[in-house]
């Protein structure tokens, strides 16, 4: 605490803590700042423990970009080739990586229109095959699509 330019240590912890915003208020403010797409990828990841990352890419005024991801570093980045391919061809791709499977597939809205691409990464396990990863990714994409009314909704707050 400061008093006339002199720093005074907090002697009563409750007084210092009372001056901080509550965790609930901070969380509510952070939630308001997130786009629908960001909230969607976060809730999807929470519902699917085998997924290690979920991201959405879409064509924007700045070109094809990552608009939401559970990896914050992916947001705003240019689309990967697999995402562009998924949006333009309507086909999924599955890449086996050292630690799992990376599936990219077209993302639809509830009416069936392609609104972007969704990338989902899965843990590698002895029981999971390329076909299993693709099947699970398609089921997840359908769950997500049912919640999307339009492409414009993805970037809404």
N, C-alpha and C. Protein backbone atom coordinates (compact mmCIF):
# COMPACT_ATOMS: atom_id res chain seq x y z
N UNK A 1 0.85 -1.17 0.00
CA UNK A 1 0.00 0.00 0.00
C UNK A 1 0.89 1.23 0.00
N UNK A 2 0.45 2.29 -0.64
CA UNK A 2 1.24 3.52 -0.66
C UNK A 2 0.51 4.61 0.12
N UNK A 3 1.30 5.39 0.81
CA UNK A 3 0.77 6.50 1.57
C UNK A 3 1.73 7.67 1.39
N UNK A 4 1.33 8.68 0.65
CA UNK A 4 2.15 9.85 0.39
C UNK A 4 3.50 9.47 -0.22
N UNK A 5 3.48 8.52 -1.15
CA UNK A 5 4.70 8.13 -1.84
C UNK A 5 5.58 7.17 -1.07
N UNK A 6 5.18 6.79 0.12
CA UNK A 6 5.97 5.86 0.93
C UNK A 6 5.26 4.51 0.89
N UNK A 7 6.00 3.46 0.57
CA UNK A 7 5.41 2.13 0.53
C UNK A 7 5.31 1.58 1.93
N UNK A 8 4.10 1.13 2.28
CA UNK A 8 3.86 0.56 3.60
C UNK A 8 3.46 -0.90 3.38
N UNK A 9 4.15 -1.85 3.98
CA UNK A 9 3.78 -3.25 3.79
C UNK A 9 2.41 -3.52 4.37
N UNK A 10 1.69 -4.47 3.77
CA UNK A 10 0.37 -4.84 4.27
C UNK A 10 0.54 -5.59 5.58
N UNK A 11 0.06 -5.00 6.64
CA UNK A 11 0.16 -5.63 7.94
C UNK A 11 -1.05 -6.53 8.18
N UNK A 12 -2.18 -6.15 7.65
CA UNK A 12 -3.38 -6.96 7.80
C UNK A 12 -3.70 -7.55 6.44
N UNK A 13 -3.49 -8.84 6.31
CA UNK A 13 -3.65 -9.50 5.02
C UNK A 13 -5.04 -9.30 4.45
N UNK A 14 -6.05 -9.29 5.29
CA UNK A 14 -7.40 -9.15 4.77
C UNK A 14 -7.62 -7.80 4.09
N UNK A 15 -6.92 -6.76 4.53
CA UNK A 15 -7.04 -5.46 3.88
C UNK A 15 -6.40 -5.47 2.50
N UNK A 16 -5.28 -6.14 2.37
CA UNK A 16 -4.59 -6.21 1.08
C UNK A 16 -5.39 -7.06 0.10
N UNK A 17 -5.91 -8.17 0.58
CA UNK A 17 -6.69 -9.07 -0.28
C UNK A 17 -7.98 -8.40 -0.70
N UNK A 18 -8.61 -7.63 0.18
CA UNK A 18 -9.87 -6.98 -0.13
C UNK A 18 -9.72 -6.01 -1.30
N UNK A 19 -8.52 -5.48 -1.51
CA UNK A 19 -8.30 -4.53 -2.59
C UNK A 19 -8.16 -5.22 -3.95
N UNK A 20 -7.94 -6.54 -3.95
CA UNK A 20 -7.79 -7.28 -5.21
C UNK A 20 -9.15 -7.65 -5.76
N UNK A 21 -9.28 -7.73 -7.11
CA UNK A 21 -10.56 -8.18 -7.66
C UNK A 21 -10.77 -9.64 -7.29
N UNK A 22 -12.03 -10.01 -7.10
CA UNK A 22 -12.32 -11.39 -6.73
C UNK A 22 -12.01 -12.33 -7.89
N UNK A 23 -11.73 -13.57 -7.56
CA UNK A 23 -11.45 -14.57 -8.60
C UNK A 23 -12.66 -14.75 -9.50
N UNK A 24 -13.85 -14.69 -8.93
CA UNK A 24 -15.07 -14.84 -9.72
C UNK A 24 -15.22 -13.69 -10.71
N UNK A 25 -14.93 -12.47 -10.25
CA UNK A 25 -15.04 -11.32 -11.15
C UNK A 25 -14.01 -11.40 -12.25
N UNK A 26 -12.79 -11.79 -11.91
CA UNK A 26 -11.73 -11.92 -12.91
C UNK A 26 -12.09 -12.99 -13.93
N UNK A 27 -12.61 -14.11 -13.45
CA UNK A 27 -13.00 -15.20 -14.34
C UNK A 27 -14.15 -14.78 -15.25
N UNK A 28 -15.11 -14.05 -14.69
CA UNK A 28 -16.25 -13.59 -15.49
C UNK A 28 -15.79 -12.62 -16.57
N UNK A 29 -14.84 -11.74 -16.24
CA UNK A 29 -14.33 -10.80 -17.24
C UNK A 29 -13.59 -11.54 -18.34
N UNK A 30 -12.80 -12.54 -17.96
CA UNK A 30 -12.06 -13.30 -18.96
C UNK A 30 -13.02 -14.06 -19.86
N UNK A 31 -14.10 -14.60 -19.29
CA UNK A 31 -15.09 -15.34 -20.08
C UNK A 31 -15.79 -14.46 -21.09
N UNK A 32 -16.02 -13.19 -20.73
CA UNK A 32 -16.70 -12.27 -21.64
C UNK A 32 -15.81 -11.92 -22.83
N UNK A 33 -14.52 -11.93 -22.63
CA UNK A 33 -13.60 -11.54 -23.69
C UNK A 33 -13.41 -12.65 -24.72
N UNK A 34 -13.78 -13.88 -24.39
CA UNK A 34 -13.56 -15.00 -25.30
C UNK A 34 -14.64 -15.07 -26.37
N UNK A 35 -14.22 -15.44 -27.55
CA UNK A 35 -15.18 -15.63 -28.64
C UNK A 35 -15.95 -16.93 -28.43
N UNK A 36 -17.05 -17.05 -29.13
CA UNK A 36 -17.83 -18.30 -29.08
C UNK A 36 -16.95 -19.47 -29.48
N UNK A 37 -16.13 -19.30 -30.53
CA UNK A 37 -15.26 -20.38 -31.00
C UNK A 37 -14.28 -20.81 -29.91
N UNK A 38 -13.73 -19.85 -29.16
CA UNK A 38 -12.78 -20.18 -28.10
C UNK A 38 -13.48 -20.94 -26.97
N UNK A 39 -14.66 -20.48 -26.60
CA UNK A 39 -15.41 -21.21 -25.56
C UNK A 39 -15.77 -22.61 -26.04
N UNK A 40 -16.07 -22.74 -27.33
CA UNK A 40 -16.43 -24.04 -27.90
C UNK A 40 -15.26 -25.01 -27.86
N UNK A 41 -14.07 -24.58 -28.25
CA UNK A 41 -12.93 -25.50 -28.23
C UNK A 41 -12.57 -25.90 -26.80
N UNK A 42 -12.69 -24.96 -25.88
CA UNK A 42 -12.37 -25.27 -24.48
C UNK A 42 -13.37 -26.26 -23.89
N UNK A 43 -14.66 -26.06 -24.15
CA UNK A 43 -15.66 -26.99 -23.61
C UNK A 43 -15.56 -28.36 -24.29
N UNK A 44 -15.23 -28.36 -25.58
CA UNK A 44 -15.08 -29.62 -26.30
C UNK A 44 -13.91 -30.42 -25.73
N UNK A 45 -12.81 -29.76 -25.50
CA UNK A 45 -11.64 -30.44 -24.94
C UNK A 45 -11.96 -31.01 -23.56
N UNK A 46 -12.69 -30.26 -22.75
CA UNK A 46 -13.04 -30.72 -21.40
C UNK A 46 -13.92 -31.97 -21.44
N UNK A 47 -14.72 -32.11 -22.49
CA UNK A 47 -15.62 -33.25 -22.61
C UNK A 47 -14.96 -34.48 -23.23
N UNK A 48 -13.76 -34.31 -23.79
CA UNK A 48 -13.10 -35.42 -24.49
C UNK A 48 -11.67 -35.58 -23.98
N UNK A 49 -11.48 -36.39 -22.95
CA UNK A 49 -10.15 -36.52 -22.32
C UNK A 49 -9.08 -37.13 -23.23
N UNK A 50 -9.45 -37.82 -24.28
CA UNK A 50 -8.45 -38.35 -25.22
C UNK A 50 -7.86 -37.27 -26.11
N UNK A 51 -8.57 -36.16 -26.24
CA UNK A 51 -8.07 -35.06 -27.07
C UNK A 51 -7.01 -34.29 -26.29
N UNK A 52 -5.91 -33.99 -26.97
CA UNK A 52 -4.84 -33.21 -26.32
C UNK A 52 -4.83 -31.76 -26.82
N UNK A 53 -5.52 -31.50 -27.92
CA UNK A 53 -5.64 -30.14 -28.44
C UNK A 53 -6.83 -30.08 -29.39
N UNK A 54 -7.53 -28.94 -29.36
CA UNK A 54 -8.64 -28.70 -30.28
C UNK A 54 -8.48 -27.27 -30.79
N UNK A 55 -8.60 -27.09 -32.11
CA UNK A 55 -8.48 -25.76 -32.69
C UNK A 55 -9.42 -25.57 -33.86
N UNK A 56 -9.79 -24.33 -34.09
CA UNK A 56 -10.66 -23.99 -35.23
C UNK A 56 -9.93 -22.98 -36.11
N UNK A 57 -9.94 -23.24 -37.40
CA UNK A 57 -9.40 -22.32 -38.40
C UNK A 57 -10.54 -21.90 -39.31
N UNK A 58 -10.48 -20.66 -39.79
CA UNK A 58 -11.52 -20.17 -40.70
C UNK A 58 -10.95 -19.08 -41.59
N UNK A 59 -11.62 -18.86 -42.70
CA UNK A 59 -11.25 -17.76 -43.58
C UNK A 59 -11.76 -16.47 -42.95
N UNK A 60 -10.87 -15.50 -42.83
CA UNK A 60 -11.20 -14.21 -42.22
C UNK A 60 -10.82 -13.10 -43.19
N UNK A 61 -11.04 -11.87 -42.79
CA UNK A 61 -10.63 -10.73 -43.62
C UNK A 61 -9.11 -10.71 -43.79
N UNK A 62 -8.38 -11.33 -42.87
CA UNK A 62 -6.91 -11.39 -42.93
C UNK A 62 -6.43 -12.69 -43.58
N UNK A 63 -7.33 -13.42 -44.23
CA UNK A 63 -6.96 -14.71 -44.82
C UNK A 63 -7.35 -15.84 -43.90
N UNK A 64 -6.88 -17.01 -44.21
CA UNK A 64 -7.20 -18.19 -43.40
C UNK A 64 -6.33 -18.16 -42.13
N UNK A 65 -7.00 -18.16 -40.97
CA UNK A 65 -6.30 -18.03 -39.68
C UNK A 65 -6.90 -18.97 -38.64
N UNK A 66 -6.10 -19.28 -37.65
CA UNK A 66 -6.59 -19.97 -36.48
C UNK A 66 -7.39 -18.98 -35.65
N UNK A 67 -8.66 -19.27 -35.40
CA UNK A 67 -9.50 -18.31 -34.67
C UNK A 67 -9.74 -18.75 -33.22
N UNK A 68 -9.45 -20.00 -32.90
CA UNK A 68 -9.62 -20.49 -31.53
C UNK A 68 -8.79 -21.74 -31.37
N UNK A 69 -8.25 -21.93 -30.18
CA UNK A 69 -7.46 -23.13 -29.92
C UNK A 69 -7.22 -23.29 -28.43
N UNK A 70 -7.05 -24.53 -28.03
CA UNK A 70 -6.65 -24.80 -26.66
C UNK A 70 -5.15 -24.56 -26.51
N UNK A 71 -4.46 -24.33 -27.61
CA UNK A 71 -3.05 -23.89 -27.59
C UNK A 71 -3.07 -22.41 -27.99
N UNK A 72 -2.95 -21.50 -27.03
CA UNK A 72 -3.06 -20.07 -27.33
C UNK A 72 -2.12 -19.58 -28.44
N UNK A 73 -0.99 -20.23 -28.63
CA UNK A 73 -0.05 -19.83 -29.66
C UNK A 73 -0.57 -20.03 -31.07
N UNK A 74 -1.60 -20.84 -31.23
CA UNK A 74 -2.16 -21.10 -32.56
C UNK A 74 -3.16 -20.04 -33.01
N UNK A 75 -3.72 -19.29 -32.08
CA UNK A 75 -4.73 -18.29 -32.42
C UNK A 75 -4.06 -17.14 -33.18
N UNK A 76 -4.61 -16.82 -34.34
CA UNK A 76 -4.07 -15.75 -35.18
C UNK A 76 -3.04 -16.24 -36.20
N UNK A 77 -2.57 -17.46 -36.04
CA UNK A 77 -1.58 -18.00 -36.98
C UNK A 77 -2.26 -18.37 -38.30
N UNK A 78 -1.47 -18.36 -39.38
CA UNK A 78 -1.98 -18.78 -40.69
C UNK A 78 -2.40 -20.23 -40.61
N UNK A 79 -3.40 -20.59 -41.40
CA UNK A 79 -3.90 -21.96 -41.44
C UNK A 79 -2.82 -22.91 -41.91
N UNK A 80 -2.85 -24.10 -41.38
CA UNK A 80 -1.98 -25.15 -41.87
C UNK A 80 -2.58 -25.71 -43.16
N UNK A 81 -1.76 -26.32 -43.98
CA UNK A 81 -2.22 -26.86 -45.27
C UNK A 81 -3.38 -27.84 -45.09
N UNK A 82 -3.34 -28.64 -44.02
CA UNK A 82 -4.39 -29.63 -43.77
C UNK A 82 -5.73 -28.96 -43.52
N UNK A 83 -5.71 -27.80 -42.86
CA UNK A 83 -6.95 -27.07 -42.59
C UNK A 83 -7.54 -26.52 -43.87
N UNK A 84 -6.70 -25.94 -44.71
CA UNK A 84 -7.17 -25.41 -45.99
C UNK A 84 -7.74 -26.54 -46.84
N UNK A 85 -7.03 -27.65 -46.88
CA UNK A 85 -7.48 -28.82 -47.64
C UNK A 85 -8.84 -29.31 -47.14
N UNK A 86 -9.02 -29.35 -45.82
CA UNK A 86 -10.29 -29.81 -45.25
C UNK A 86 -11.44 -28.88 -45.65
N UNK A 87 -11.18 -27.56 -45.63
CA UNK A 87 -12.23 -26.60 -45.99
C UNK A 87 -12.58 -26.65 -47.47
N UNK A 88 -11.57 -26.82 -48.32
CA UNK A 88 -11.82 -26.77 -49.76
C UNK A 88 -12.29 -28.10 -50.34
N UNK A 89 -11.77 -29.21 -49.83
CA UNK A 89 -12.13 -30.51 -50.38
C UNK A 89 -13.27 -31.18 -49.63
N UNK A 90 -13.48 -30.77 -48.38
CA UNK A 90 -14.51 -31.41 -47.58
C UNK A 90 -14.07 -32.74 -47.00
N UNK A 91 -12.77 -33.04 -47.14
CA UNK A 91 -12.25 -34.33 -46.68
C UNK A 91 -11.34 -34.16 -45.48
N UNK A 92 -11.33 -35.19 -44.64
CA UNK A 92 -10.48 -35.19 -43.45
C UNK A 92 -9.10 -35.73 -43.78
N UNK A 93 -8.13 -35.29 -42.98
CA UNK A 93 -6.79 -35.87 -43.07
C UNK A 93 -6.38 -36.32 -41.66
N UNK A 94 -5.66 -37.43 -41.62
CA UNK A 94 -5.17 -37.95 -40.35
C UNK A 94 -3.67 -38.14 -40.48
N UNK A 95 -2.93 -37.49 -39.61
CA UNK A 95 -1.47 -37.63 -39.60
C UNK A 95 -1.05 -38.30 -38.30
N UNK A 96 -0.24 -39.34 -38.42
CA UNK A 96 0.29 -39.98 -37.22
C UNK A 96 1.58 -39.27 -36.87
N UNK A 97 1.64 -38.79 -35.64
CA UNK A 97 2.83 -38.10 -35.14
C UNK A 97 3.44 -38.96 -34.05
N UNK A 98 4.60 -38.56 -33.55
CA UNK A 98 5.30 -39.38 -32.56
C UNK A 98 4.49 -39.58 -31.28
N UNK A 99 3.67 -38.59 -30.91
CA UNK A 99 2.93 -38.71 -29.66
C UNK A 99 1.42 -38.85 -29.82
N UNK A 100 0.94 -38.99 -31.07
CA UNK A 100 -0.50 -39.16 -31.27
C UNK A 100 -0.93 -38.96 -32.71
N UNK A 101 -2.21 -38.75 -32.87
CA UNK A 101 -2.80 -38.52 -34.19
C UNK A 101 -3.30 -37.09 -34.27
N UNK A 102 -3.08 -36.45 -35.41
CA UNK A 102 -3.55 -35.10 -35.67
C UNK A 102 -4.57 -35.20 -36.80
N UNK A 103 -5.84 -34.89 -36.48
CA UNK A 103 -6.93 -35.01 -37.45
C UNK A 103 -7.43 -33.61 -37.79
N UNK A 104 -7.53 -33.31 -39.09
CA UNK A 104 -8.10 -32.05 -39.56
C UNK A 104 -9.30 -32.40 -40.42
N UNK A 105 -10.43 -31.76 -40.15
CA UNK A 105 -11.61 -32.02 -40.94
C UNK A 105 -12.46 -30.77 -41.06
N UNK A 106 -13.33 -30.73 -42.08
CA UNK A 106 -14.16 -29.54 -42.24
C UNK A 106 -15.08 -29.37 -41.03
N UNK A 107 -15.28 -28.14 -40.62
CA UNK A 107 -16.20 -27.81 -39.52
C UNK A 107 -17.45 -27.24 -40.14
N UNK A 108 -18.58 -27.80 -39.78
CA UNK A 108 -19.87 -27.37 -40.32
C UNK A 108 -20.66 -26.61 -39.27
N UNK A 109 -21.67 -25.88 -39.74
CA UNK A 109 -22.63 -25.30 -38.81
C UNK A 109 -23.81 -26.28 -38.72
N UNK A 110 -24.81 -25.94 -37.92
CA UNK A 110 -25.94 -26.83 -37.70
C UNK A 110 -26.72 -27.13 -38.98
N UNK A 111 -26.66 -26.22 -39.96
CA UNK A 111 -27.36 -26.42 -41.23
C UNK A 111 -26.53 -27.23 -42.23
N UNK A 112 -25.29 -27.53 -41.90
CA UNK A 112 -24.45 -28.35 -42.77
C UNK A 112 -23.47 -27.58 -43.64
N UNK A 113 -23.46 -26.25 -43.55
CA UNK A 113 -22.53 -25.45 -44.34
C UNK A 113 -21.13 -25.49 -43.71
N UNK A 114 -20.10 -25.55 -44.54
CA UNK A 114 -18.72 -25.53 -44.04
C UNK A 114 -18.40 -24.11 -43.58
N UNK A 115 -17.99 -23.99 -42.31
CA UNK A 115 -17.68 -22.67 -41.74
C UNK A 115 -16.20 -22.55 -41.38
N UNK A 116 -15.45 -23.62 -41.55
CA UNK A 116 -14.03 -23.61 -41.22
C UNK A 116 -13.50 -25.02 -41.18
N UNK A 117 -12.44 -25.18 -40.41
CA UNK A 117 -11.84 -26.50 -40.21
C UNK A 117 -11.59 -26.67 -38.72
N UNK A 118 -11.68 -27.90 -38.27
CA UNK A 118 -11.36 -28.20 -36.88
C UNK A 118 -10.19 -29.18 -36.87
N UNK A 119 -9.22 -28.88 -36.04
CA UNK A 119 -8.08 -29.77 -35.86
C UNK A 119 -8.14 -30.36 -34.47
N UNK A 120 -8.02 -31.66 -34.38
CA UNK A 120 -8.09 -32.33 -33.08
C UNK A 120 -6.90 -33.28 -32.98
N UNK A 121 -6.17 -33.15 -31.90
CA UNK A 121 -5.04 -34.05 -31.66
C UNK A 121 -5.43 -35.02 -30.56
N UNK A 122 -5.01 -36.27 -30.73
CA UNK A 122 -5.31 -37.33 -29.77
C UNK A 122 -4.02 -37.96 -29.27
N UNK A 123 -4.06 -38.42 -28.02
CA UNK A 123 -2.94 -39.15 -27.45
C UNK A 123 -2.73 -40.44 -28.23
N UNK A 124 -1.50 -40.85 -28.30
CA UNK A 124 -1.18 -42.14 -28.92
C UNK A 124 -1.34 -43.21 -27.85
N UNK A 125 -2.09 -44.24 -28.17
CA UNK A 125 -2.23 -45.37 -27.25
C UNK A 125 -2.23 -46.64 -28.07
N UNK A 126 -1.91 -47.73 -27.43
CA UNK A 126 -1.84 -49.01 -28.13
C UNK A 126 -3.19 -49.40 -28.73
N UNK A 127 -4.26 -48.96 -28.09
CA UNK A 127 -5.60 -49.35 -28.53
C UNK A 127 -6.14 -48.46 -29.65
N UNK A 128 -5.53 -47.31 -29.90
CA UNK A 128 -6.08 -46.37 -30.88
C UNK A 128 -5.38 -46.50 -32.23
N UNK A 129 -6.18 -46.62 -33.26
CA UNK A 129 -5.67 -46.69 -34.63
C UNK A 129 -6.01 -45.38 -35.35
N UNK A 130 -5.50 -45.25 -36.55
CA UNK A 130 -5.81 -44.09 -37.39
C UNK A 130 -7.33 -44.00 -37.61
N UNK A 131 -7.95 -45.15 -37.88
CA UNK A 131 -9.40 -45.18 -38.10
C UNK A 131 -10.16 -44.77 -36.84
N UNK A 132 -9.69 -45.20 -35.68
CA UNK A 132 -10.33 -44.81 -34.41
C UNK A 132 -10.26 -43.30 -34.21
N UNK A 133 -9.11 -42.72 -34.48
CA UNK A 133 -8.92 -41.28 -34.31
C UNK A 133 -9.86 -40.51 -35.25
N UNK A 134 -9.97 -40.97 -36.48
CA UNK A 134 -10.85 -40.31 -37.44
C UNK A 134 -12.31 -40.43 -37.01
N UNK A 135 -12.72 -41.60 -36.56
CA UNK A 135 -14.10 -41.82 -36.12
C UNK A 135 -14.43 -40.91 -34.93
N UNK A 136 -13.51 -40.84 -33.96
CA UNK A 136 -13.73 -40.00 -32.79
C UNK A 136 -13.77 -38.52 -33.18
N UNK A 137 -12.88 -38.10 -34.08
CA UNK A 137 -12.86 -36.71 -34.53
C UNK A 137 -14.15 -36.34 -35.25
N UNK A 138 -14.66 -37.23 -36.06
CA UNK A 138 -15.93 -36.96 -36.77
C UNK A 138 -17.09 -36.81 -35.77
N UNK A 139 -17.11 -37.64 -34.75
CA UNK A 139 -18.16 -37.53 -33.73
C UNK A 139 -18.05 -36.20 -32.99
N UNK A 140 -16.83 -35.79 -32.67
CA UNK A 140 -16.62 -34.51 -31.99
C UNK A 140 -17.04 -33.36 -32.88
N UNK A 141 -16.68 -33.41 -34.16
CA UNK A 141 -17.06 -32.34 -35.10
C UNK A 141 -18.58 -32.23 -35.18
N UNK A 142 -19.28 -33.35 -35.17
CA UNK A 142 -20.75 -33.30 -35.22
C UNK A 142 -21.33 -32.65 -33.96
N UNK A 143 -20.73 -32.94 -32.81
CA UNK A 143 -21.16 -32.30 -31.57
C UNK A 143 -20.96 -30.79 -31.66
N UNK A 144 -19.81 -30.39 -32.17
CA UNK A 144 -19.51 -28.96 -32.29
C UNK A 144 -20.45 -28.31 -33.29
N UNK A 145 -20.66 -28.95 -34.44
CA UNK A 145 -21.51 -28.39 -35.49
C UNK A 145 -22.93 -28.11 -34.99
N UNK A 146 -23.44 -29.00 -34.15
CA UNK A 146 -24.80 -28.82 -33.62
C UNK A 146 -24.94 -27.54 -32.80
N UNK A 147 -23.83 -27.01 -32.31
CA UNK A 147 -23.84 -25.80 -31.48
C UNK A 147 -23.57 -24.52 -32.27
N UNK A 148 -23.24 -24.66 -33.55
CA UNK A 148 -22.87 -23.50 -34.37
C UNK A 148 -24.03 -23.12 -35.28
N UNK A 149 -24.56 -21.92 -35.09
CA UNK A 149 -25.69 -21.47 -35.92
C UNK A 149 -25.21 -20.86 -37.24
N UNK A 150 -24.01 -20.28 -37.24
CA UNK A 150 -23.49 -19.64 -38.45
C UNK A 150 -21.99 -19.38 -38.28
N UNK A 151 -21.34 -19.06 -39.38
CA UNK A 151 -19.92 -18.73 -39.32
C UNK A 151 -19.72 -17.46 -38.48
N UNK A 152 -20.62 -16.51 -38.62
CA UNK A 152 -20.51 -15.24 -37.87
C UNK A 152 -20.54 -15.50 -36.35
N UNK A 153 -21.26 -16.51 -35.93
CA UNK A 153 -21.34 -16.82 -34.50
C UNK A 153 -19.97 -17.17 -33.92
N UNK A 154 -19.12 -17.79 -34.74
CA UNK A 154 -17.81 -18.24 -34.24
C UNK A 154 -17.00 -17.11 -33.64
N UNK A 155 -17.05 -15.93 -34.24
CA UNK A 155 -16.23 -14.82 -33.75
C UNK A 155 -17.01 -13.89 -32.80
N UNK A 156 -18.29 -14.20 -32.57
CA UNK A 156 -19.06 -13.36 -31.66
C UNK A 156 -18.61 -13.56 -30.22
N UNK A 157 -18.80 -12.58 -29.42
CA UNK A 157 -18.38 -12.62 -27.99
C UNK A 157 -19.57 -12.92 -27.12
